[in-house]
Every structure is written in C-alpha cells, then in structure tokens.
N, C-alpha and C. Protein backbone atom coordinates (compact mmCIF):
# COMPACT_ATOMS: atom_id res chain seq x y z
N MET A 1 -26.84 -1.18 22.51
CA MET A 1 -27.06 -2.09 21.41
C MET A 1 -25.95 -1.91 20.38
N PRO A 2 -25.24 -2.99 20.04
CA PRO A 2 -24.15 -2.88 19.08
C PRO A 2 -24.66 -2.50 17.70
N ASN A 3 -23.82 -1.78 16.98
CA ASN A 3 -24.14 -1.34 15.64
C ASN A 3 -24.00 -2.53 14.67
N PRO A 4 -25.04 -2.85 13.86
CA PRO A 4 -24.94 -4.00 12.96
C PRO A 4 -23.85 -3.85 11.90
N ILE A 5 -23.53 -2.63 11.52
CA ILE A 5 -22.46 -2.43 10.53
C ILE A 5 -21.12 -2.87 11.13
N ASN A 6 -20.92 -2.60 12.42
CA ASN A 6 -19.68 -3.03 13.07
C ASN A 6 -19.58 -4.55 13.07
N GLN A 7 -20.71 -5.23 13.20
CA GLN A 7 -20.70 -6.68 13.18
C GLN A 7 -20.37 -7.20 11.78
N LEU A 8 -20.82 -6.51 10.75
CA LEU A 8 -20.54 -6.95 9.38
C LEU A 8 -19.08 -6.77 9.00
N PHE A 9 -18.49 -5.65 9.37
CA PHE A 9 -17.13 -5.35 8.93
C PHE A 9 -16.08 -5.73 9.96
N GLY A 10 -16.49 -6.03 11.17
CA GLY A 10 -15.56 -6.48 12.19
C GLY A 10 -14.56 -5.41 12.61
N ILE A 11 -13.42 -5.86 12.99
CA ILE A 11 -12.40 -5.00 13.56
C ILE A 11 -11.75 -4.10 12.50
N HIS A 12 -11.87 -4.44 11.24
CA HIS A 12 -11.16 -3.70 10.20
C HIS A 12 -11.70 -2.28 10.00
N ALA A 13 -12.98 -2.08 10.19
CA ALA A 13 -13.54 -0.72 10.07
C ALA A 13 -12.96 0.18 11.16
N GLN A 14 -12.83 -0.35 12.36
CA GLN A 14 -12.25 0.41 13.46
C GLN A 14 -10.75 0.63 13.23
N SER A 15 -10.11 -0.39 12.72
CA SER A 15 -8.68 -0.32 12.45
C SER A 15 -8.35 0.78 11.44
N VAL A 16 -9.16 0.89 10.39
CA VAL A 16 -8.93 1.91 9.37
C VAL A 16 -9.03 3.31 9.97
N GLN A 17 -9.99 3.52 10.85
CA GLN A 17 -10.15 4.83 11.49
C GLN A 17 -8.93 5.17 12.34
N LEU A 18 -8.49 4.23 13.15
CA LEU A 18 -7.34 4.49 14.01
C LEU A 18 -6.05 4.63 13.21
N ARG A 19 -5.88 3.81 12.18
CA ARG A 19 -4.66 3.92 11.35
C ARG A 19 -4.60 5.27 10.65
N SER A 20 -5.75 5.79 10.25
CA SER A 20 -5.80 7.10 9.62
C SER A 20 -5.34 8.19 10.60
N GLN A 21 -5.81 8.10 11.83
CA GLN A 21 -5.41 9.07 12.84
C GLN A 21 -3.93 8.95 13.18
N ARG A 22 -3.43 7.71 13.20
CA ARG A 22 -2.01 7.52 13.49
C ARG A 22 -1.16 8.06 12.35
N ALA A 23 -1.61 7.89 11.12
CA ALA A 23 -0.88 8.43 9.97
C ALA A 23 -0.76 9.95 10.07
N GLU A 24 -1.82 10.61 10.52
CA GLU A 24 -1.77 12.07 10.69
C GLU A 24 -0.74 12.47 11.73
N LEU A 25 -0.70 11.75 12.85
CA LEU A 25 0.29 12.05 13.88
C LEU A 25 1.71 11.84 13.38
N LEU A 26 1.95 10.72 12.71
CA LEU A 26 3.30 10.42 12.22
C LEU A 26 3.72 11.41 11.14
N ALA A 27 2.79 11.81 10.28
CA ALA A 27 3.10 12.80 9.25
C ALA A 27 3.44 14.15 9.89
N ALA A 28 2.73 14.51 10.94
CA ALA A 28 3.03 15.76 11.64
C ALA A 28 4.42 15.69 12.27
N ASN A 29 4.77 14.52 12.82
CA ASN A 29 6.11 14.36 13.38
C ASN A 29 7.18 14.54 12.31
N LEU A 30 6.98 13.91 11.15
CA LEU A 30 7.95 14.04 10.06
C LEU A 30 8.04 15.47 9.54
N ALA A 31 6.91 16.14 9.44
CA ALA A 31 6.90 17.51 8.93
C ALA A 31 7.63 18.46 9.88
N ASN A 32 7.65 18.12 11.15
CA ASN A 32 8.28 18.99 12.15
C ASN A 32 9.62 18.46 12.63
N ALA A 33 10.27 17.65 11.82
CA ALA A 33 11.55 17.06 12.21
C ALA A 33 12.63 18.11 12.48
N ASP A 34 12.53 19.27 11.85
CA ASP A 34 13.54 20.32 12.04
C ASP A 34 13.03 21.49 12.88
N THR A 35 11.86 21.35 13.47
CA THR A 35 11.29 22.43 14.29
C THR A 35 11.86 22.35 15.70
N PRO A 36 12.50 23.42 16.16
CA PRO A 36 13.05 23.40 17.52
C PRO A 36 11.95 23.19 18.57
N ASN A 37 12.25 22.39 19.57
CA ASN A 37 11.37 22.08 20.70
C ASN A 37 10.09 21.34 20.32
N TYR A 38 10.01 20.78 19.11
CA TYR A 38 8.84 19.98 18.76
C TYR A 38 8.97 18.62 19.41
N LYS A 39 7.90 18.15 20.00
CA LYS A 39 7.88 16.86 20.68
C LYS A 39 7.09 15.85 19.85
N ALA A 40 7.74 14.75 19.47
CA ALA A 40 7.10 13.70 18.67
C ALA A 40 5.99 13.04 19.49
N ARG A 41 4.86 12.76 18.82
CA ARG A 41 3.71 12.15 19.48
C ARG A 41 3.29 10.89 18.75
N ASP A 42 2.69 9.98 19.50
CA ASP A 42 2.18 8.73 18.95
C ASP A 42 1.20 8.15 19.96
N PHE A 43 0.58 7.02 19.62
CA PHE A 43 -0.28 6.34 20.57
C PHE A 43 -0.14 4.84 20.41
N ASP A 44 -0.53 4.12 21.44
CA ASP A 44 -0.48 2.66 21.42
C ASP A 44 -1.69 2.17 20.65
N PHE A 45 -1.45 1.67 19.44
CA PHE A 45 -2.54 1.29 18.55
C PHE A 45 -3.40 0.18 19.14
N SER A 46 -2.77 -0.86 19.68
CA SER A 46 -3.55 -2.00 20.18
C SER A 46 -4.42 -1.59 21.37
N ALA A 47 -3.90 -0.74 22.26
CA ALA A 47 -4.70 -0.27 23.39
C ALA A 47 -5.87 0.59 22.92
N ALA A 48 -5.62 1.45 21.93
CA ALA A 48 -6.68 2.31 21.41
C ALA A 48 -7.76 1.48 20.71
N LEU A 49 -7.36 0.43 20.00
CA LEU A 49 -8.32 -0.44 19.33
C LEU A 49 -9.17 -1.19 20.35
N LYS A 50 -8.55 -1.65 21.43
CA LYS A 50 -9.30 -2.33 22.49
C LYS A 50 -10.29 -1.37 23.14
N ASP A 51 -9.86 -0.13 23.37
CA ASP A 51 -10.77 0.87 23.94
C ASP A 51 -11.94 1.12 23.01
N MET A 52 -11.67 1.24 21.72
CA MET A 52 -12.72 1.50 20.74
C MET A 52 -13.70 0.33 20.69
N GLN A 53 -13.19 -0.88 20.74
CA GLN A 53 -14.06 -2.05 20.72
C GLN A 53 -14.90 -2.11 21.98
N GLY A 54 -14.32 -1.77 23.11
CA GLY A 54 -15.07 -1.77 24.36
C GLY A 54 -16.21 -0.78 24.34
N LEU A 55 -15.98 0.40 23.78
CA LEU A 55 -17.04 1.41 23.68
C LEU A 55 -18.16 0.93 22.77
N GLN A 56 -17.80 0.31 21.66
CA GLN A 56 -18.83 -0.10 20.71
C GLN A 56 -19.53 -1.37 21.15
N ASN A 57 -18.86 -2.24 21.90
CA ASN A 57 -19.50 -3.45 22.38
C ASN A 57 -20.47 -3.19 23.52
N THR A 58 -20.17 -2.16 24.33
CA THR A 58 -21.07 -1.85 25.43
C THR A 58 -22.20 -0.94 24.99
N GLY A 59 -22.09 -0.39 23.79
CA GLY A 59 -23.13 0.50 23.30
C GLY A 59 -23.04 1.88 23.91
N ALA A 60 -21.91 2.23 24.52
CA ALA A 60 -21.77 3.54 25.14
C ALA A 60 -21.82 4.63 24.09
N VAL A 61 -22.57 5.66 24.37
CA VAL A 61 -22.70 6.80 23.47
C VAL A 61 -22.32 8.05 24.24
N LYS A 62 -21.45 8.87 23.66
CA LYS A 62 -20.99 10.07 24.34
C LYS A 62 -21.87 11.28 24.08
N ILE A 63 -22.53 11.33 22.94
CA ILE A 63 -23.35 12.47 22.59
C ILE A 63 -24.79 12.00 22.44
N ALA A 64 -25.70 12.73 23.05
CA ALA A 64 -27.11 12.35 22.95
C ALA A 64 -27.61 12.63 21.54
N ALA A 65 -28.42 11.71 21.01
CA ALA A 65 -28.99 11.87 19.68
C ALA A 65 -30.48 12.14 19.82
N SER A 66 -31.03 12.94 18.92
CA SER A 66 -32.45 13.28 19.01
C SER A 66 -33.34 12.16 18.47
N GLN A 67 -32.80 11.27 17.66
CA GLN A 67 -33.55 10.15 17.10
C GLN A 67 -32.76 8.87 17.37
N ALA A 68 -33.48 7.78 17.52
CA ALA A 68 -32.83 6.50 17.84
C ALA A 68 -31.91 6.02 16.72
N GLY A 69 -32.18 6.39 15.47
CA GLY A 69 -31.38 5.93 14.35
C GLY A 69 -30.14 6.75 14.07
N HIS A 70 -29.91 7.82 14.79
CA HIS A 70 -28.75 8.67 14.54
C HIS A 70 -27.46 7.95 14.91
N ILE A 71 -26.43 8.21 14.13
CA ILE A 71 -25.12 7.65 14.40
C ILE A 71 -24.32 8.70 15.15
N SER A 72 -23.64 8.26 16.20
CA SER A 72 -22.83 9.18 17.00
C SER A 72 -21.69 9.72 16.14
N ASN A 73 -21.47 11.03 16.20
CA ASN A 73 -20.41 11.63 15.38
C ASN A 73 -19.04 11.46 15.98
N ASN A 74 -18.94 10.92 17.18
CA ASN A 74 -17.63 10.71 17.77
C ASN A 74 -17.26 9.25 17.85
N ALA A 75 -18.00 8.40 17.17
CA ALA A 75 -17.68 6.97 17.16
C ALA A 75 -16.35 6.77 16.45
N GLY A 76 -15.43 6.13 17.12
CA GLY A 76 -14.13 5.84 16.53
C GLY A 76 -13.11 6.94 16.67
N VAL A 77 -13.42 8.00 17.38
CA VAL A 77 -12.47 9.08 17.56
C VAL A 77 -11.53 8.73 18.70
N LEU A 78 -10.26 8.88 18.46
CA LEU A 78 -9.25 8.57 19.46
C LEU A 78 -9.34 9.58 20.60
N ALA A 79 -9.34 9.10 21.82
CA ALA A 79 -9.38 9.98 22.98
C ALA A 79 -8.09 10.81 23.03
N ALA A 80 -8.24 12.08 23.36
CA ALA A 80 -7.08 12.98 23.39
C ALA A 80 -6.04 12.53 24.41
N ASN A 81 -6.48 11.90 25.50
CA ASN A 81 -5.52 11.47 26.52
C ASN A 81 -4.76 10.20 26.11
N ALA A 82 -5.12 9.57 24.99
CA ALA A 82 -4.41 8.39 24.51
C ALA A 82 -3.13 8.76 23.77
N ILE A 83 -3.05 10.00 23.30
CA ILE A 83 -1.86 10.45 22.57
C ILE A 83 -0.76 10.80 23.57
N ARG A 84 0.39 10.22 23.36
CA ARG A 84 1.52 10.41 24.27
C ARG A 84 2.72 10.99 23.52
N TYR A 85 3.59 11.63 24.28
CA TYR A 85 4.84 12.11 23.70
C TYR A 85 5.83 10.97 23.69
N ARG A 86 6.56 10.86 22.58
CA ARG A 86 7.54 9.79 22.44
C ARG A 86 8.83 10.18 23.15
N ILE A 87 9.41 9.23 23.84
CA ILE A 87 10.68 9.46 24.53
C ILE A 87 11.80 9.23 23.51
N PRO A 88 12.65 10.24 23.30
CA PRO A 88 13.69 10.11 22.27
C PRO A 88 14.79 9.14 22.68
N GLU A 89 15.37 8.49 21.68
CA GLU A 89 16.50 7.60 21.94
C GLU A 89 17.78 8.39 22.14
N GLN A 90 17.86 9.53 21.47
CA GLN A 90 19.03 10.38 21.61
C GLN A 90 18.56 11.82 21.71
N ALA A 91 19.02 12.52 22.72
CA ALA A 91 18.59 13.90 22.95
C ALA A 91 19.13 14.82 21.86
N SER A 92 18.33 15.83 21.53
CA SER A 92 18.72 16.80 20.52
C SER A 92 19.03 18.12 21.22
N LEU A 93 19.97 18.87 20.69
CA LEU A 93 20.34 20.14 21.30
C LEU A 93 19.23 21.18 21.20
N ASP A 94 18.41 21.10 20.15
CA ASP A 94 17.35 22.09 19.99
C ASP A 94 16.04 21.67 20.65
N GLY A 95 16.01 20.52 21.36
CA GLY A 95 14.82 20.10 22.07
C GLY A 95 13.83 19.30 21.24
N ASN A 96 14.15 19.05 19.97
CA ASN A 96 13.27 18.28 19.10
C ASN A 96 13.45 16.80 19.40
N THR A 97 12.33 16.07 19.52
CA THR A 97 12.41 14.64 19.85
C THR A 97 12.07 13.73 18.67
N VAL A 98 12.02 14.27 17.46
CA VAL A 98 11.67 13.48 16.28
C VAL A 98 12.90 12.75 15.77
N ASP A 99 12.79 11.43 15.64
CA ASP A 99 13.81 10.60 15.00
C ASP A 99 13.26 10.25 13.63
N SER A 100 13.77 10.89 12.59
CA SER A 100 13.22 10.74 11.24
C SER A 100 13.18 9.29 10.77
N ASP A 101 14.23 8.53 11.05
CA ASP A 101 14.26 7.13 10.62
C ASP A 101 13.15 6.32 11.30
N HIS A 102 12.99 6.53 12.59
CA HIS A 102 11.94 5.83 13.32
C HIS A 102 10.56 6.23 12.82
N GLU A 103 10.35 7.51 12.58
CA GLU A 103 9.05 7.99 12.10
C GLU A 103 8.73 7.45 10.71
N LYS A 104 9.73 7.40 9.83
CA LYS A 104 9.51 6.87 8.49
C LYS A 104 9.14 5.40 8.52
N SER A 105 9.84 4.63 9.34
CA SER A 105 9.52 3.20 9.41
C SER A 105 8.14 2.98 10.05
N ALA A 106 7.79 3.75 11.07
CA ALA A 106 6.46 3.64 11.70
C ALA A 106 5.38 4.04 10.71
N PHE A 107 5.63 5.10 9.93
CA PHE A 107 4.65 5.55 8.94
C PHE A 107 4.45 4.49 7.86
N THR A 108 5.54 3.88 7.39
CA THR A 108 5.46 2.86 6.36
C THR A 108 4.70 1.63 6.86
N GLU A 109 5.01 1.19 8.07
CA GLU A 109 4.31 0.04 8.64
C GLU A 109 2.82 0.35 8.81
N ASN A 110 2.51 1.53 9.31
CA ASN A 110 1.12 1.93 9.50
C ASN A 110 0.38 1.97 8.16
N ALA A 111 1.02 2.51 7.13
CA ALA A 111 0.40 2.59 5.80
C ALA A 111 0.14 1.20 5.23
N LEU A 112 1.07 0.29 5.43
CA LEU A 112 0.90 -1.07 4.94
C LEU A 112 -0.27 -1.76 5.64
N ARG A 113 -0.35 -1.62 6.93
CA ARG A 113 -1.46 -2.23 7.69
C ARG A 113 -2.80 -1.57 7.34
N TYR A 114 -2.77 -0.29 7.05
CA TYR A 114 -3.97 0.43 6.60
C TYR A 114 -4.47 -0.16 5.28
N GLN A 115 -3.55 -0.37 4.34
CA GLN A 115 -3.91 -0.94 3.05
C GLN A 115 -4.47 -2.36 3.18
N ILE A 116 -3.91 -3.14 4.10
CA ILE A 116 -4.40 -4.50 4.32
C ILE A 116 -5.84 -4.47 4.83
N SER A 117 -6.11 -3.60 5.79
CA SER A 117 -7.48 -3.49 6.32
C SER A 117 -8.44 -3.02 5.24
N LEU A 118 -8.02 -2.06 4.42
CA LEU A 118 -8.88 -1.59 3.33
C LEU A 118 -9.16 -2.71 2.33
N SER A 119 -8.16 -3.52 2.03
CA SER A 119 -8.33 -4.63 1.11
C SER A 119 -9.33 -5.65 1.66
N ILE A 120 -9.22 -5.96 2.93
CA ILE A 120 -10.16 -6.90 3.55
C ILE A 120 -11.57 -6.33 3.54
N LEU A 121 -11.71 -5.05 3.87
CA LEU A 121 -13.03 -4.40 3.84
C LEU A 121 -13.61 -4.42 2.43
N SER A 122 -12.78 -4.14 1.44
CA SER A 122 -13.23 -4.13 0.05
C SER A 122 -13.75 -5.51 -0.37
N LYS A 123 -13.03 -6.55 0.01
CA LYS A 123 -13.46 -7.91 -0.34
C LYS A 123 -14.77 -8.28 0.37
N ARG A 124 -14.92 -7.84 1.62
CA ARG A 124 -16.17 -8.10 2.33
C ARG A 124 -17.34 -7.39 1.69
N ILE A 125 -17.13 -6.13 1.32
CA ILE A 125 -18.20 -5.36 0.67
C ILE A 125 -18.56 -6.00 -0.67
N SER A 126 -17.56 -6.41 -1.43
CA SER A 126 -17.84 -7.09 -2.71
C SER A 126 -18.64 -8.36 -2.49
N GLY A 127 -18.31 -9.10 -1.44
CA GLY A 127 -19.06 -10.31 -1.12
C GLY A 127 -20.50 -10.01 -0.76
N PHE A 128 -20.74 -8.94 -0.01
CA PHE A 128 -22.11 -8.57 0.35
C PHE A 128 -22.89 -8.14 -0.88
N ILE A 129 -22.24 -7.42 -1.78
CA ILE A 129 -22.92 -6.98 -3.00
C ILE A 129 -23.28 -8.20 -3.86
N ARG A 130 -22.37 -9.16 -3.99
CA ARG A 130 -22.67 -10.37 -4.74
C ARG A 130 -23.82 -11.15 -4.09
N THR A 131 -23.85 -11.19 -2.77
CA THR A 131 -24.93 -11.87 -2.06
C THR A 131 -26.28 -11.19 -2.33
N LEU A 132 -26.27 -9.86 -2.27
CA LEU A 132 -27.51 -9.12 -2.51
C LEU A 132 -28.01 -9.28 -3.93
N ARG A 133 -27.09 -9.41 -4.87
CA ARG A 133 -27.47 -9.59 -6.28
C ARG A 133 -27.88 -11.04 -6.57
N GLY A 134 -27.57 -11.94 -5.65
CA GLY A 134 -27.92 -13.35 -5.83
C GLY A 134 -26.93 -14.11 -6.69
N GLU A 135 -25.71 -13.65 -6.75
CA GLU A 135 -24.69 -14.31 -7.58
C GLU A 135 -24.08 -15.49 -6.85
C-alpha cells in the first residue's frame, strides 16, 4: 500500500533525500582531493530515484514492523551497490581520482536542484496549511 504522504509531496520528497546523500558523497570527494589513493564516488541520480519510486509504489518493505502504522526506517536510503567509483579523466600519480573542478560543479548543481525541490515542497506544505485553515 503506497504511503499517502508520498502521494501528497510527490517526487520531491524522494528527490530531497537522494540529493542529500549525493551532497555527502561529493563533499567527501572534495575533502579527500589531496588524499593519496582516494577513489572518487558518485551515483546515477535518475536511476536511484526510479529505484526509490519503484520500491515505494510496490509497497515493498525491507524491515518488518511490529505495528501496521510504523514507518520503515530505511525508506529512501540509497542502496550501497548503487554507489560507483568515478572513472578519472586524467590519471594521477598518487592514485587519487578526484577532479576538483568536476566535483565542485557537480556539488553546485546538486545543491541548486536540492534547493528547488525544497522550495516546491515548502509551497506545497503552505498550500496544505492554508487549505486546512480554510483560507
């Protein structure tokens, strides 16, 4: 059974969760730009979002709940096998695969899209509150 909150907020609630996880990965890549043998990691956002939607649309639950009303604590968590190592454009002598310019632009784009989803969610919540108040 699909979660009614997911129906109210649509794809943006899922998008915010995945964008947050991607921001953590990109920040870790930037923080380790000078670490020898560090391998840059990322994931395909659109594929992960489709996977997340498929799980929530089918009602699949990974952890058993003791009560029917419990919310799964792993809803929206990116699967560990979805994270991939990035192939560098230019090899580094110390084995590090982080391209700082690429990571900065990916982080900026991700942050912008995160803010857009938050703005849409905020406007939807405001609309629901106005509806509940009868405005």
